[in-house]
Amino acid sequence: MMSRERKKQAAALQEKLKILRSITHSHALSNTSIIMDASAYIKELKQKVVRLNQEIACAQDALTHQSSSYPMVTVETLGVQGSFLVNVFSDKSCPGLLVSVLEAFDELGLSVLQATASCADSFRLEAVGGENVADNVDEHVVKQAVLQAVRNCSESGSEQDEE
């Protein structure tokens, strides 16, 4: 004779196996087969995780290579006439890049009113430029000048690498 507690445990086990069977889409009837199907299902899920992680790594690698060849430059006109918010990001930093960008500002007649820069492995600059002397300076002109400064620095850096 089974005690009530044992009957409750057996019923709970059967309920858990029933849930396991439905989750794993098993058609097995015996407890052992349900557990074997669940084990196979877990292995399949692990393989999917490995494959997805590989796909993610490949996608991130592709994005890194794509973004490293093109620096990202955004320029916004601020409320004050002749003031701009300039953001520059590049995965690669080269010696003199910050100086090159600041010289581009100077050539446009822009003074840097505030700036935050990071030049370690990557290059990031957020600058507010203003008080421009020339009236024909707009967002597009500033962006093109900054992009040209970054390209010039990158080209001179790669030429030095070849020497």
Foldseek 3Di string as FASTA:
>chain_A
DDDPVVVVVVVVVVVVLVVLCVVLVHPDDDSVSSVVSSVVSVVVVVVVVVVVVVVVVVVVVVVLVVQQVPKDWFWDDDPDQFKIKIKIKHQAAFPCLVVLLCVLCVVQQWDWPDKDWDRDRITIMITITGPRPDNPDDRVSSRVSSRVSNVVRVVVRVVVVVD
